[in-house]
């Protein structure tokens, strides 16, 4: 039995036909899901993936900003 990780509704799909990375959608809440593991079967919301990528992008930008500030401070001391 496959259930939506967001609303816990049962998703009608043949578990044996699923492969890692397969996209699914929940009929109850409309969430876009992705198979993250087949043994054991695990699903993750694709929105979660987007949020994680956005957070990583922000972290990268923060690091770049810090490096720029450090360089500016070094220039000012000379």
N, C-alpha and C. Protein backbone atom coordinates (compact mmCIF):
# COMPACT_ATOMS: atom_id res chain seq x y z
N UNK A 1 0.85 -1.17 0.00
CA UNK A 1 0.00 0.00 0.00
C UNK A 1 0.90 1.25 0.00
N UNK A 2 0.67 2.13 -0.93
CA UNK A 2 1.43 3.37 -1.06
C UNK A 2 0.56 4.50 -0.52
N UNK A 3 1.15 5.32 0.37
CA UNK A 3 0.40 6.45 0.92
C UNK A 3 1.15 7.76 0.66
N UNK A 4 0.39 8.81 0.52
CA UNK A 4 0.94 10.14 0.30
C UNK A 4 1.62 10.62 1.58
N UNK A 5 2.86 11.10 1.50
CA UNK A 5 3.54 11.57 2.72
C UNK A 5 2.97 12.87 3.27
N UNK A 6 2.14 13.56 2.48
CA UNK A 6 1.58 14.82 2.94
C UNK A 6 0.21 14.67 3.58
N UNK A 7 -0.70 13.94 2.89
CA UNK A 7 -2.06 13.82 3.42
C UNK A 7 -2.39 12.40 3.87
N UNK A 8 -1.49 11.46 3.64
CA UNK A 8 -1.62 10.06 4.05
C UNK A 8 -2.74 9.31 3.35
N UNK A 9 -3.18 9.82 2.21
CA UNK A 9 -4.19 9.11 1.41
C UNK A 9 -3.51 7.95 0.67
N UNK A 10 -4.28 6.92 0.42
CA UNK A 10 -3.77 5.76 -0.32
C UNK A 10 -3.67 6.12 -1.80
N UNK A 11 -2.51 5.82 -2.39
CA UNK A 11 -2.28 6.08 -3.82
C UNK A 11 -2.37 4.74 -4.54
N UNK A 12 -3.25 4.68 -5.52
CA UNK A 12 -3.48 3.44 -6.27
C UNK A 12 -2.40 3.28 -7.34
N UNK A 13 -1.37 2.47 -7.02
CA UNK A 13 -0.28 2.23 -7.95
C UNK A 13 0.32 0.86 -7.64
N UNK A 14 0.82 0.19 -8.66
CA UNK A 14 1.45 -1.11 -8.47
C UNK A 14 2.88 -0.90 -7.97
N UNK A 15 3.12 -1.23 -6.70
CA UNK A 15 4.42 -0.99 -6.07
C UNK A 15 5.56 -1.67 -6.81
N UNK A 16 5.29 -2.83 -7.41
CA UNK A 16 6.34 -3.58 -8.11
C UNK A 16 6.79 -2.90 -9.40
N UNK A 17 5.97 -2.01 -9.93
CA UNK A 17 6.29 -1.31 -11.18
C UNK A 17 7.07 -0.02 -10.95
N UNK A 18 7.23 0.40 -9.70
CA UNK A 18 7.88 1.67 -9.40
C UNK A 18 9.40 1.54 -9.38
N UNK A 19 10.06 2.56 -9.88
CA UNK A 19 11.52 2.66 -9.82
C UNK A 19 11.89 3.96 -9.14
N UNK A 20 13.08 4.02 -8.58
CA UNK A 20 13.55 5.24 -7.93
C UNK A 20 13.55 6.39 -8.94
N UNK A 21 13.01 7.53 -8.54
CA UNK A 21 12.94 8.70 -9.41
C UNK A 21 11.63 8.83 -10.17
N UNK A 22 10.78 7.81 -10.11
CA UNK A 22 9.49 7.88 -10.81
C UNK A 22 8.61 8.97 -10.20
N UNK A 23 7.95 9.75 -11.05
CA UNK A 23 7.02 10.78 -10.54
C UNK A 23 5.65 10.17 -10.28
N UNK A 24 4.99 10.65 -9.25
CA UNK A 24 3.62 10.25 -8.92
C UNK A 24 2.86 11.50 -8.51
N UNK A 25 1.55 11.38 -8.48
CA UNK A 25 0.76 12.49 -7.94
C UNK A 25 -0.34 11.90 -7.06
N UNK A 26 -0.68 12.66 -6.04
CA UNK A 26 -1.72 12.23 -5.11
C UNK A 26 -3.06 12.75 -5.62
N UNK A 27 -4.02 11.83 -5.78
CA UNK A 27 -5.35 12.21 -6.25
C UNK A 27 -6.10 13.03 -5.20
N UNK A 28 -5.80 12.82 -3.92
CA UNK A 28 -6.53 13.51 -2.85
C UNK A 28 -6.09 14.97 -2.69
N UNK A 29 -4.75 15.19 -2.54
CA UNK A 29 -4.29 16.56 -2.27
C UNK A 29 -3.59 17.20 -3.47
N UNK A 30 -3.36 16.42 -4.54
CA UNK A 30 -2.76 16.96 -5.75
C UNK A 30 -1.26 17.15 -5.68
N UNK A 31 -0.61 16.64 -4.65
CA UNK A 31 0.83 16.81 -4.49
C UNK A 31 1.60 16.06 -5.57
N UNK A 32 2.67 16.68 -6.04
CA UNK A 32 3.59 16.02 -6.96
C UNK A 32 4.62 15.30 -6.11
N UNK A 33 4.73 14.00 -6.34
CA UNK A 33 5.60 13.16 -5.52
C UNK A 33 6.66 12.49 -6.38
N UNK A 34 7.70 12.01 -5.72
CA UNK A 34 8.78 11.32 -6.40
C UNK A 34 9.18 10.11 -5.55
N UNK A 35 9.44 8.98 -6.21
CA UNK A 35 9.90 7.79 -5.50
C UNK A 35 11.36 8.00 -5.15
N UNK A 36 11.68 8.00 -3.86
CA UNK A 36 13.06 8.20 -3.42
C UNK A 36 13.75 6.89 -3.07
N UNK A 37 12.96 5.84 -2.83
CA UNK A 37 13.52 4.53 -2.51
C UNK A 37 12.47 3.48 -2.84
N UNK A 38 12.93 2.32 -3.32
CA UNK A 38 11.98 1.26 -3.63
C UNK A 38 12.02 0.14 -2.60
N UNK A 39 13.07 0.04 -1.79
CA UNK A 39 13.15 -1.01 -0.78
C UNK A 39 13.80 -0.46 0.48
N UNK A 40 13.06 0.07 1.42
CA UNK A 40 11.59 0.13 1.46
C UNK A 40 11.08 1.26 0.57
N UNK A 41 9.84 1.16 0.17
CA UNK A 41 9.24 2.16 -0.70
C UNK A 41 9.06 3.47 0.06
N UNK A 42 9.66 4.53 -0.46
CA UNK A 42 9.53 5.85 0.16
C UNK A 42 9.22 6.88 -0.91
N UNK A 43 8.32 7.78 -0.58
CA UNK A 43 7.95 8.88 -1.48
C UNK A 43 8.31 10.19 -0.81
N UNK A 44 8.63 11.19 -1.64
CA UNK A 44 8.91 12.52 -1.13
C UNK A 44 8.20 13.53 -2.02
N UNK A 45 7.73 14.58 -1.42
CA UNK A 45 7.08 15.64 -2.17
C UNK A 45 8.11 16.35 -3.04
N UNK A 46 7.78 16.57 -4.32
CA UNK A 46 8.70 17.28 -5.20
C UNK A 46 8.84 18.73 -4.77
N UNK A 47 7.85 19.28 -4.07
CA UNK A 47 7.95 20.64 -3.54
C UNK A 47 9.06 20.70 -2.50
N UNK A 48 9.22 19.62 -1.71
CA UNK A 48 10.30 19.57 -0.72
C UNK A 48 11.65 19.67 -1.41
N UNK A 49 11.79 18.98 -2.54
CA UNK A 49 13.05 19.03 -3.29
C UNK A 49 13.33 20.45 -3.75
N UNK A 50 12.30 21.13 -4.25
CA UNK A 50 12.47 22.51 -4.72
C UNK A 50 12.89 23.42 -3.58
N UNK A 51 12.27 23.24 -2.41
CA UNK A 51 12.61 24.07 -1.25
C UNK A 51 14.05 23.83 -0.82
N UNK A 52 14.50 22.56 -0.83
CA UNK A 52 15.87 22.25 -0.44
C UNK A 52 16.85 22.88 -1.42
N UNK A 53 16.55 22.82 -2.71
CA UNK A 53 17.43 23.43 -3.70
C UNK A 53 17.50 24.94 -3.51
N UNK A 54 16.35 25.57 -3.21
CA UNK A 54 16.33 27.01 -2.97
C UNK A 54 17.17 27.36 -1.75
N UNK A 55 17.05 26.54 -0.68
CA UNK A 55 17.84 26.79 0.52
C UNK A 55 19.32 26.68 0.21
N UNK A 56 19.72 25.67 -0.57
CA UNK A 56 21.12 25.51 -0.94
C UNK A 56 21.59 26.71 -1.76
N UNK A 57 20.74 27.20 -2.65
CA UNK A 57 21.11 28.37 -3.45
C UNK A 57 21.34 29.58 -2.55
N UNK A 58 20.46 29.77 -1.56
CA UNK A 58 20.62 30.90 -0.64
C UNK A 58 21.90 30.75 0.18
N UNK A 59 22.21 29.51 0.60
CA UNK A 59 23.43 29.29 1.36
C UNK A 59 24.65 29.63 0.51
N UNK A 60 24.63 29.25 -0.76
CA UNK A 60 25.73 29.56 -1.67
C UNK A 60 25.88 31.06 -1.82
N UNK A 61 24.76 31.77 -1.94
CA UNK A 61 24.81 33.22 -2.08
C UNK A 61 25.37 33.87 -0.82
N UNK A 62 24.97 33.36 0.35
CA UNK A 62 25.47 33.90 1.60
C UNK A 62 26.99 33.73 1.69
N UNK A 63 27.49 32.57 1.29
CA UNK A 63 28.93 32.34 1.32
C UNK A 63 29.65 33.29 0.38
N UNK A 64 29.08 33.52 -0.80
CA UNK A 64 29.70 34.43 -1.76
C UNK A 64 29.71 35.84 -1.21
N UNK A 65 28.63 36.25 -0.54
CA UNK A 65 28.56 37.59 0.06
C UNK A 65 29.63 37.76 1.13
N UNK A 66 29.81 36.73 1.97
CA UNK A 66 30.82 36.80 3.02
C UNK A 66 32.21 36.93 2.42
N UNK A 67 32.48 36.18 1.34
CA UNK A 67 33.79 36.25 0.70
C UNK A 67 34.02 37.64 0.12
N UNK A 68 33.00 38.22 -0.48
CA UNK A 68 33.12 39.56 -1.05
C UNK A 68 33.40 40.58 0.04
N UNK A 69 32.71 40.45 1.18
CA UNK A 69 32.92 41.38 2.29
C UNK A 69 34.34 41.26 2.82
N UNK A 70 34.85 40.03 2.92
CA UNK A 70 36.21 39.82 3.39
C UNK A 70 37.21 40.48 2.46
N UNK A 71 36.99 40.34 1.17
CA UNK A 71 37.89 40.95 0.18
C UNK A 71 37.84 42.48 0.29
N UNK A 72 36.65 43.04 0.48
CA UNK A 72 36.51 44.48 0.61
C UNK A 72 37.24 44.99 1.85
N UNK A 73 37.14 44.25 2.95
CA UNK A 73 37.81 44.65 4.18
C UNK A 73 39.31 44.62 4.00
N UNK A 74 39.83 43.63 3.29
CA UNK A 74 41.26 43.54 3.04
C UNK A 74 41.74 44.72 2.22
N UNK A 75 40.94 45.12 1.23
CA UNK A 75 41.30 46.25 0.38
C UNK A 75 41.31 47.55 1.18
N UNK A 76 40.38 47.70 2.12
CA UNK A 76 40.29 48.91 2.92
C UNK A 76 41.49 49.04 3.86
N UNK A 77 42.00 47.96 4.34
CA UNK A 77 43.13 48.02 5.29
C UNK A 77 44.42 48.38 4.57
N UNK A 78 44.50 48.22 3.29
CA UNK A 78 45.73 48.56 2.56
C UNK A 78 45.71 49.99 2.27
